[in-house]
Structure formats: C-alpha cells, structure tokens
Amino acid sequence: MPKSAEAQRIAEAVAEGMFARDHAAQGLGVTIVEMRPGYARLTMVVRQDMLNGHETLHGGFSFALADTAFAYACNSYNHVAVAAGCDIVYPAAGHLGDLLTAEAVEVHRAGRSGVYDVSVTTQNGEIVALFRGKSRVLQGEVVAGLTHHA
C-alpha cells in the first residue's frame, strides 16, 4: 500500500477506535465527517441543553467540539497525543438548531510537539469559535497493533 494510502487508513482506523471509547463526543452528538493525517472535520447540532442564560450556545460546548476535533487530528498518526495547552476566541454565538462544523488542521508537527488550528462554523459559514491547540506526544499507540515500527 502506498505511504499516503497507508497514512489515510491509519487516520481512519484511529478515528474509529477513539470514537468507540469517546463517551463525551457520543453524548454531545458529535459526528466524524472526515479524517486525514493531521486533519479532522466533525459536526454537532446545537441542542436546547447546550444553551446558556442568553439562549445562545454556551462557549463550553463549542470549546468541547473544537477540542474534540483537535484531539482526533493530533492522534491521527496513531501516536498517543494529549493537549499541552490551547487558546480560544468566540467571534459570534451559536443558536439552537445550528449545525456546527469543527475543522482541525495541523499547522506544525515536529518531534513530540504539534500545533493545530480549529475553526468552528455554523451551517451558514459564520465562525463561532477559533481554537489553537498545542499537542504533546506520549508513549503508546491509540489503537494497539495498528502501526508497525521499524
């Protein structure tokens, strides 16, 4: 299998394996739309129980969606990676029924560190969150036995 096809197979298998254990994402109704090495696109519909006292999307839920996309992107190589830190801004509010899409893109990866940018947008393309996550790779595989090391 060509290297790029193998990397894609690994990214998809990691997403499947992670999602099976990801009770938080499942509980939020997150759907994985696309996975590639260093990239993840996930969606979530804003529910009534995600609204704050202003009847707009609570920032914690857009953060959770962005953080989840970040996690899938930085773990897509099947090396256990965790968040070392992040920043988020909220340019606009989400509303009941919005279909949110979080797109996580790898900006830089070297050694055990990575940087990922995540945008969370509505179905109309309005940006409700911009997230930058820094990852740190630990020992171990996300899906045991999936990759072979030389």
N, C-alpha and C. Protein backbone atom coordinates (compact mmCIF):
# COMPACT_ATOMS: atom_id res chain seq x y z
N MET A 1 0.86 -1.18 0.00
CA MET A 1 0.00 0.00 0.00
C MET A 1 0.90 1.23 0.00
N PRO A 2 0.65 2.21 -0.89
CA PRO A 2 1.46 3.43 -0.90
C PRO A 2 1.39 4.14 0.45
N LYS A 3 2.45 4.88 0.77
CA LYS A 3 2.55 5.53 2.07
C LYS A 3 1.34 6.42 2.37
N SER A 4 0.90 7.23 1.41
CA SER A 4 -0.24 8.13 1.67
C SER A 4 -1.52 7.35 1.92
N ALA A 5 -1.70 6.25 1.19
CA ALA A 5 -2.88 5.41 1.40
C ALA A 5 -2.81 4.74 2.77
N GLU A 6 -1.62 4.33 3.18
CA GLU A 6 -1.42 3.71 4.50
C GLU A 6 -1.69 4.73 5.60
N ALA A 7 -1.20 5.95 5.44
CA ALA A 7 -1.43 7.01 6.43
C ALA A 7 -2.92 7.32 6.54
N GLN A 8 -3.63 7.33 5.42
CA GLN A 8 -5.07 7.57 5.44
C GLN A 8 -5.80 6.44 6.16
N ARG A 9 -5.40 5.21 5.88
CA ARG A 9 -6.01 4.04 6.53
C ARG A 9 -5.81 4.14 8.05
N ILE A 10 -4.62 4.52 8.46
CA ILE A 10 -4.33 4.66 9.89
C ILE A 10 -5.18 5.75 10.52
N ALA A 11 -5.27 6.91 9.87
CA ALA A 11 -6.07 8.02 10.40
C ALA A 11 -7.54 7.61 10.59
N GLU A 12 -8.09 6.92 9.61
CA GLU A 12 -9.48 6.49 9.70
C GLU A 12 -9.68 5.44 10.80
N ALA A 13 -8.74 4.50 10.92
CA ALA A 13 -8.83 3.47 11.95
C ALA A 13 -8.69 4.07 13.34
N VAL A 14 -7.82 5.06 13.49
CA VAL A 14 -7.65 5.74 14.77
C VAL A 14 -8.95 6.45 15.15
N ALA A 15 -9.56 7.14 14.20
CA ALA A 15 -10.82 7.85 14.49
C ALA A 15 -11.90 6.86 14.94
N GLU A 16 -11.99 5.75 14.25
CA GLU A 16 -12.99 4.73 14.61
C GLU A 16 -12.71 4.18 16.01
N GLY A 17 -11.45 3.88 16.29
CA GLY A 17 -11.09 3.34 17.59
C GLY A 17 -11.30 4.34 18.72
N MET A 18 -10.91 5.59 18.48
CA MET A 18 -11.11 6.62 19.51
C MET A 18 -12.59 6.86 19.76
N PHE A 19 -13.36 6.97 18.67
CA PHE A 19 -14.78 7.30 18.83
C PHE A 19 -15.53 6.22 19.61
N ALA A 20 -15.14 4.96 19.43
CA ALA A 20 -15.80 3.88 20.15
C ALA A 20 -15.66 4.05 21.67
N ARG A 21 -14.59 4.72 22.11
CA ARG A 21 -14.35 4.94 23.54
C ARG A 21 -14.66 6.36 23.99
N ASP A 22 -15.03 7.22 23.06
CA ASP A 22 -15.21 8.65 23.34
C ASP A 22 -16.65 8.95 23.76
N HIS A 23 -16.95 8.67 25.01
CA HIS A 23 -18.31 8.85 25.51
C HIS A 23 -18.73 10.32 25.54
N ALA A 24 -17.77 11.23 25.72
CA ALA A 24 -18.09 12.66 25.71
C ALA A 24 -18.59 13.07 24.33
N ALA A 25 -17.84 12.71 23.28
CA ALA A 25 -18.25 13.07 21.91
C ALA A 25 -19.58 12.41 21.56
N GLN A 26 -19.74 11.17 21.94
CA GLN A 26 -21.00 10.48 21.67
C GLN A 26 -22.17 11.18 22.36
N GLY A 27 -21.96 11.57 23.62
CA GLY A 27 -23.01 12.25 24.38
C GLY A 27 -23.38 13.60 23.81
N LEU A 28 -22.42 14.27 23.17
CA LEU A 28 -22.68 15.57 22.55
C LEU A 28 -23.30 15.43 21.17
N GLY A 29 -23.37 14.22 20.66
CA GLY A 29 -23.92 14.01 19.32
C GLY A 29 -22.94 14.34 18.21
N VAL A 30 -21.65 14.27 18.50
CA VAL A 30 -20.61 14.57 17.51
C VAL A 30 -20.58 13.49 16.44
N THR A 31 -20.39 13.91 15.21
CA THR A 31 -20.24 13.01 14.07
C THR A 31 -18.90 13.30 13.40
N ILE A 32 -18.16 12.25 13.09
CA ILE A 32 -16.91 12.42 12.34
C ILE A 32 -17.26 12.44 10.86
N VAL A 33 -16.94 13.53 10.20
CA VAL A 33 -17.26 13.70 8.78
C VAL A 33 -16.08 13.31 7.90
N GLU A 34 -14.87 13.71 8.32
CA GLU A 34 -13.69 13.43 7.51
C GLU A 34 -12.46 13.35 8.40
N MET A 35 -11.62 12.38 8.09
CA MET A 35 -10.34 12.21 8.80
C MET A 35 -9.24 12.04 7.77
N ARG A 36 -8.12 12.71 8.04
CA ARG A 36 -6.89 12.53 7.26
C ARG A 36 -5.74 12.68 8.24
N PRO A 37 -4.55 12.31 7.86
CA PRO A 37 -3.41 12.53 8.74
C PRO A 37 -3.29 14.03 9.08
N GLY A 38 -3.34 14.36 10.37
CA GLY A 38 -3.22 15.75 10.80
C GLY A 38 -4.45 16.60 10.56
N TYR A 39 -5.59 15.98 10.30
CA TYR A 39 -6.79 16.73 9.94
C TYR A 39 -8.03 15.98 10.43
N ALA A 40 -9.02 16.73 10.92
CA ALA A 40 -10.30 16.15 11.30
C ALA A 40 -11.40 17.18 11.07
N ARG A 41 -12.54 16.70 10.58
CA ARG A 41 -13.73 17.54 10.43
C ARG A 41 -14.89 16.82 11.11
N LEU A 42 -15.46 17.47 12.12
CA LEU A 42 -16.54 16.90 12.93
C LEU A 42 -17.71 17.86 12.95
N THR A 43 -18.91 17.32 13.18
CA THR A 43 -20.09 18.17 13.29
C THR A 43 -20.85 17.86 14.58
N MET A 44 -21.70 18.82 14.95
CA MET A 44 -22.55 18.69 16.13
C MET A 44 -23.72 19.66 15.97
N VAL A 45 -24.91 19.22 16.32
CA VAL A 45 -26.09 20.09 16.28
C VAL A 45 -26.30 20.70 17.66
N VAL A 46 -26.56 22.01 17.70
CA VAL A 46 -26.79 22.71 18.96
C VAL A 46 -28.18 22.33 19.49
N ARG A 47 -28.17 21.74 20.70
CA ARG A 47 -29.41 21.31 21.35
C ARG A 47 -29.82 22.31 22.43
N GLN A 48 -31.06 22.18 22.90
CA GLN A 48 -31.59 23.03 23.96
C GLN A 48 -30.71 23.00 25.20
N ASP A 49 -30.22 21.83 25.57
CA ASP A 49 -29.41 21.70 26.78
C ASP A 49 -27.99 22.23 26.62
N MET A 50 -27.68 22.81 25.46
CA MET A 50 -26.37 23.43 25.22
C MET A 50 -26.45 24.96 25.28
N LEU A 51 -27.64 25.49 25.55
CA LEU A 51 -27.83 26.94 25.57
C LEU A 51 -27.58 27.50 26.96
N ASN A 52 -27.04 28.73 26.99
CA ASN A 52 -26.78 29.41 28.25
C ASN A 52 -27.95 30.31 28.63
N GLY A 53 -27.74 31.18 29.63
CA GLY A 53 -28.79 32.07 30.10
C GLY A 53 -29.19 33.16 29.12
N HIS A 54 -28.43 33.34 28.06
CA HIS A 54 -28.78 34.28 27.00
C HIS A 54 -29.46 33.58 25.83
N GLU A 55 -29.71 32.28 26.02
CA GLU A 55 -30.32 31.44 24.99
C GLU A 55 -29.46 31.36 23.73
N THR A 56 -28.14 31.41 23.93
CA THR A 56 -27.18 31.16 22.85
C THR A 56 -26.29 30.00 23.29
N LEU A 57 -25.54 29.47 22.35
CA LEU A 57 -24.67 28.33 22.65
C LEU A 57 -23.67 28.67 23.75
N HIS A 58 -23.63 27.89 24.78
CA HIS A 58 -22.63 28.05 25.85
C HIS A 58 -21.25 27.80 25.24
N GLY A 59 -20.30 28.67 25.52
CA GLY A 59 -18.96 28.56 24.96
C GLY A 59 -18.28 27.23 25.27
N GLY A 60 -18.64 26.62 26.37
CA GLY A 60 -18.05 25.33 26.73
C GLY A 60 -18.36 24.24 25.72
N PHE A 61 -19.51 24.34 25.07
CA PHE A 61 -19.87 23.32 24.09
C PHE A 61 -19.14 23.52 22.76
N SER A 62 -18.97 24.77 22.35
CA SER A 62 -18.18 24.99 21.13
C SER A 62 -16.72 24.65 21.42
N PHE A 63 -16.26 24.91 22.65
CA PHE A 63 -14.92 24.50 23.04
C PHE A 63 -14.79 22.99 22.98
N ALA A 64 -15.76 22.28 23.52
CA ALA A 64 -15.71 20.81 23.52
C ALA A 64 -15.64 20.25 22.10
N LEU A 65 -16.41 20.83 21.19
CA LEU A 65 -16.37 20.37 19.79
C LEU A 65 -15.00 20.65 19.18
N ALA A 66 -14.47 21.86 19.38
CA ALA A 66 -13.16 22.21 18.85
C ALA A 66 -12.08 21.33 19.44
N ASP A 67 -12.13 21.11 20.74
CA ASP A 67 -11.14 20.29 21.42
C ASP A 67 -11.19 18.84 20.94
N THR A 68 -12.37 18.37 20.64
CA THR A 68 -12.53 17.00 20.13
C THR A 68 -11.92 16.88 18.74
N ALA A 69 -12.18 17.85 17.87
CA ALA A 69 -11.58 17.83 16.53
C ALA A 69 -10.06 17.88 16.64
N PHE A 70 -9.55 18.73 17.52
CA PHE A 70 -8.12 18.82 17.77
C PHE A 70 -7.56 17.46 18.20
N ALA A 71 -8.24 16.81 19.12
CA ALA A 71 -7.79 15.50 19.62
C ALA A 71 -7.70 14.47 18.50
N TYR A 72 -8.71 14.44 17.65
CA TYR A 72 -8.70 13.47 16.55
C TYR A 72 -7.59 13.78 15.55
N ALA A 73 -7.38 15.05 15.26
CA ALA A 73 -6.33 15.42 14.31
C ALA A 73 -4.95 15.08 14.84
N CYS A 74 -4.68 15.41 16.10
CA CYS A 74 -3.32 15.18 16.60
C CYS A 74 -3.04 13.73 16.96
N ASN A 75 -4.07 12.91 17.08
CA ASN A 75 -3.88 11.48 17.31
C ASN A 75 -3.93 10.66 16.03
N SER A 76 -4.13 11.31 14.90
CA SER A 76 -4.38 10.61 13.62
C SER A 76 -3.22 9.77 13.12
N TYR A 77 -2.05 9.93 13.72
CA TYR A 77 -0.88 9.14 13.31
C TYR A 77 -0.73 7.86 14.14
N ASN A 78 -1.67 7.66 15.06
CA ASN A 78 -1.70 6.52 15.98
C ASN A 78 -0.61 6.59 17.04
N HIS A 79 -0.15 7.79 17.35
CA HIS A 79 0.73 8.01 18.48
C HIS A 79 -0.08 8.79 19.51
N VAL A 80 -0.17 8.28 20.73
CA VAL A 80 -0.98 8.95 21.75
C VAL A 80 -0.51 10.38 21.92
N ALA A 81 -1.43 11.32 21.71
CA ALA A 81 -1.13 12.75 21.86
C ALA A 81 -2.19 13.38 22.76
N VAL A 82 -1.74 14.28 23.61
CA VAL A 82 -2.64 14.97 24.52
C VAL A 82 -2.46 16.48 24.37
N ALA A 83 -3.40 17.21 24.88
CA ALA A 83 -3.32 18.67 24.84
C ALA A 83 -2.29 19.16 25.84
N ALA A 84 -1.42 20.06 25.39
CA ALA A 84 -0.46 20.72 26.28
C ALA A 84 -0.93 22.13 26.60
N GLY A 85 -1.90 22.62 25.84
CA GLY A 85 -2.45 23.95 26.06
C GLY A 85 -3.27 24.37 24.87
N CYS A 86 -4.08 25.39 25.06
CA CYS A 86 -4.89 25.89 23.95
C CYS A 86 -5.38 27.31 24.26
N ASP A 87 -5.83 27.96 23.20
CA ASP A 87 -6.47 29.27 23.28
C ASP A 87 -7.72 29.20 22.43
N ILE A 88 -8.73 29.98 22.81
CA ILE A 88 -9.96 30.01 22.02
C ILE A 88 -10.56 31.41 22.08
N VAL A 89 -11.15 31.82 20.97
CA VAL A 89 -11.93 33.07 20.91
C VAL A 89 -13.29 32.74 20.32
N TYR A 90 -14.27 33.55 20.67
CA TYR A 90 -15.65 33.34 20.24
C TYR A 90 -16.14 34.57 19.47
N PRO A 91 -15.94 34.63 18.15
CA PRO A 91 -16.35 35.80 17.37
C PRO A 91 -17.86 36.00 17.25
N ALA A 92 -18.64 34.91 17.39
CA ALA A 92 -20.09 35.00 17.26
C ALA A 92 -20.72 33.89 18.09
N ALA A 93 -22.01 34.00 18.30
CA ALA A 93 -22.73 33.00 19.10
C ALA A 93 -23.44 31.99 18.21
N GLY A 94 -23.47 30.75 18.69
CA GLY A 94 -24.28 29.73 18.04
C GLY A 94 -25.69 29.76 18.61
N HIS A 95 -26.61 29.15 17.88
CA HIS A 95 -28.02 29.18 18.27
C HIS A 95 -28.64 27.80 18.17
N LEU A 96 -29.76 27.64 18.84
CA LEU A 96 -30.49 26.37 18.84
C LEU A 96 -30.69 25.88 17.40
N GLY A 97 -30.35 24.63 17.15
CA GLY A 97 -30.54 24.02 15.85
C GLY A 97 -29.39 24.21 14.88
N ASP A 98 -28.42 25.07 15.20
CA ASP A 98 -27.27 25.25 14.30
C ASP A 98 -26.52 23.93 14.13
N LEU A 99 -26.08 23.68 12.92
CA LEU A 99 -25.18 22.57 12.64
C LEU A 99 -23.78 23.15 12.65
N LEU A 100 -23.02 22.80 13.68
CA LEU A 100 -21.66 23.30 13.81
C LEU A 100 -20.68 22.33 13.18
N THR A 101 -19.69 22.88 12.49
CA THR A 101 -18.61 22.08 11.91
C THR A 101 -17.30 22.57 12.49
N ALA A 102 -16.55 21.64 13.05
CA ALA A 102 -15.21 21.93 13.55
C ALA A 102 -14.21 21.32 12.59
N GLU A 103 -13.32 22.16 12.06
CA GLU A 103 -12.29 21.69 11.14
C GLU A 103 -10.93 21.94 11.78
N ALA A 104 -10.22 20.85 12.09
CA ALA A 104 -8.91 20.91 12.72
C ALA A 104 -7.84 20.65 11.68
N VAL A 105 -6.87 21.56 11.62
CA VAL A 105 -5.80 21.49 10.62
C VAL A 105 -4.45 21.56 11.33
N GLU A 106 -3.59 20.63 11.00
CA GLU A 106 -2.24 20.64 11.55
C GLU A 106 -1.45 21.80 10.95
N VAL A 107 -0.89 22.64 11.81
CA VAL A 107 -0.10 23.78 11.38
C VAL A 107 1.39 23.43 11.41
N HIS A 108 1.78 22.71 12.46
CA HIS A 108 3.19 22.35 12.62
C HIS A 108 3.27 21.10 13.49
N ARG A 109 4.16 20.18 13.10
CA ARG A 109 4.40 18.98 13.91
C ARG A 109 5.86 18.63 13.79
N ALA A 110 6.55 18.56 14.92
CA ALA A 110 7.97 18.20 14.93
C ALA A 110 8.28 17.52 16.26
N GLY A 111 8.99 16.42 16.19
CA GLY A 111 9.31 15.70 17.40
C GLY A 111 8.05 15.28 18.12
N ARG A 112 7.95 15.68 19.38
CA ARG A 112 6.78 15.29 20.19
C ARG A 112 5.74 16.41 20.31
N SER A 113 5.93 17.51 19.59
CA SER A 113 5.04 18.66 19.73
C SER A 113 4.30 18.96 18.43
N GLY A 114 3.09 19.48 18.56
CA GLY A 114 2.31 19.87 17.39
C GLY A 114 1.46 21.08 17.70
N VAL A 115 1.07 21.79 16.64
CA VAL A 115 0.18 22.94 16.75
C VAL A 115 -0.94 22.74 15.73
N TYR A 116 -2.18 22.93 16.18
CA TYR A 116 -3.36 22.70 15.35
C TYR A 116 -4.31 23.87 15.47
N ASP A 117 -4.84 24.33 14.34
CA ASP A 117 -5.86 25.37 14.34
C ASP A 117 -7.20 24.73 14.04
N VAL A 118 -8.20 25.14 14.80
CA VAL A 118 -9.56 24.61 14.63
C VAL A 118 -10.52 25.78 14.48
N SER A 119 -11.32 25.74 13.42
CA SER A 119 -12.40 26.72 13.27
C SER A 119 -13.72 25.99 13.46
N VAL A 120 -14.63 26.64 14.18
CA VAL A 120 -15.97 26.10 14.37
C VAL A 120 -16.93 27.07 13.68
N THR A 121 -17.66 26.56 12.70
CA THR A 121 -18.56 27.40 11.92
C THR A 121 -19.98 26.83 11.94
N THR A 122 -20.94 27.72 11.65
CA THR A 122 -22.34 27.29 11.52
C THR A 122 -22.58 26.82 10.09
N GLN A 123 -23.77 26.33 9.85
CA GLN A 123 -24.16 25.88 8.51
C GLN A 123 -24.14 27.03 7.51
N ASN A 124 -24.15 28.27 7.99
CA ASN A 124 -24.09 29.45 7.11
C ASN A 124 -22.67 29.98 6.94
N GLY A 125 -21.69 29.28 7.52
CA GLY A 125 -20.30 29.70 7.40
C GLY A 125 -19.86 30.73 8.42
N GLU A 126 -20.72 31.08 9.37
CA GLU A 126 -20.37 32.04 10.40
C GLU A 126 -19.44 31.38 11.41
N ILE A 127 -18.36 32.05 11.75
CA ILE A 127 -17.38 31.50 12.70
C ILE A 127 -17.86 31.76 14.12
N VAL A 128 -18.03 30.69 14.90
CA VAL A 128 -18.44 30.84 16.29
C VAL A 128 -17.28 30.58 17.25
N ALA A 129 -16.19 29.96 16.78
CA ALA A 129 -15.03 29.76 17.63
C ALA A 129 -13.78 29.54 16.78
N LEU A 130 -12.68 30.09 17.26
CA LEU A 130 -11.35 29.86 16.68
C LEU A 130 -10.47 29.35 17.82
N PHE A 131 -9.91 28.17 17.62
CA PHE A 131 -9.18 27.45 18.67
C PHE A 131 -7.79 27.12 18.14
N ARG A 132 -6.77 27.30 18.97
CA ARG A 132 -5.42 26.84 18.63
C ARG A 132 -4.96 25.92 19.75
N GLY A 133 -4.65 24.68 19.38
CA GLY A 133 -4.22 23.70 20.36
C GLY A 133 -2.78 23.29 20.16
N LYS A 134 -2.11 23.06 21.27
CA LYS A 134 -0.73 22.57 21.25
C LYS A 134 -0.75 21.15 21.80
N SER A 135 -0.18 20.21 21.06
CA SER A 135 -0.20 18.81 21.47
C SER A 135 1.17 18.33 21.91
N ARG A 136 1.15 17.27 22.69
CA ARG A 136 2.37 16.61 23.13
C ARG A 136 2.17 15.11 22.96
N VAL A 137 3.09 14.47 22.25
CA VAL A 137 3.00 13.04 22.01
C VAL A 137 3.60 12.29 23.20
N LEU A 138 2.88 11.28 23.67
CA LEU A 138 3.33 10.42 24.76
C LEU A 138 3.70 9.06 24.19
N GLN A 139 4.08 8.15 25.03
CA GLN A 139 4.35 6.79 24.57
C GLN A 139 3.04 6.06 24.33
N GLY A 140 3.08 5.14 23.38
CA GLY A 140 1.93 4.27 23.15
C GLY A 140 1.18 4.60 21.88
N GLU A 141 0.35 3.64 21.50
CA GLU A 141 -0.49 3.77 20.31
C GLU A 141 -1.93 4.00 20.73
N VAL A 142 -2.67 4.72 19.92
CA VAL A 142 -4.09 4.94 20.18
C VAL A 142 -4.84 3.62 19.97
N VAL A 143 -4.54 2.96 18.87
CA VAL A 143 -5.11 1.65 18.55
C VAL A 143 -3.95 0.66 18.54
N ALA A 144 -3.87 -0.18 19.55
CA ALA A 144 -2.75 -1.10 19.68
C ALA A 144 -2.63 -2.02 18.47
N GLY A 145 -1.38 -2.14 17.98
CA GLY A 145 -1.10 -3.05 16.88
C GLY A 145 -1.44 -2.53 15.50
N LEU A 146 -1.95 -1.31 15.41
CA LEU A 146 -2.36 -0.77 14.11
C LEU A 146 -1.17 -0.41 13.23
N THR A 147 -0.13 0.13 13.86
CA THR A 147 1.05 0.54 13.10
C THR A 147 2.24 -0.32 13.51
N HIS A 148 3.14 -0.47 12.59
CA HIS A 148 4.36 -1.25 12.84
C HIS A 148 5.54 -0.31 12.85
N HIS A 149 6.39 -0.44 13.82
CA HIS A 149 7.55 0.43 13.94
C HIS A 149 8.79 -0.33 13.51
N ALA A 150 9.65 0.35 12.78
CA ALA A 150 10.89 -0.28 12.28
C ALA A 150 11.91 -0.43 13.39
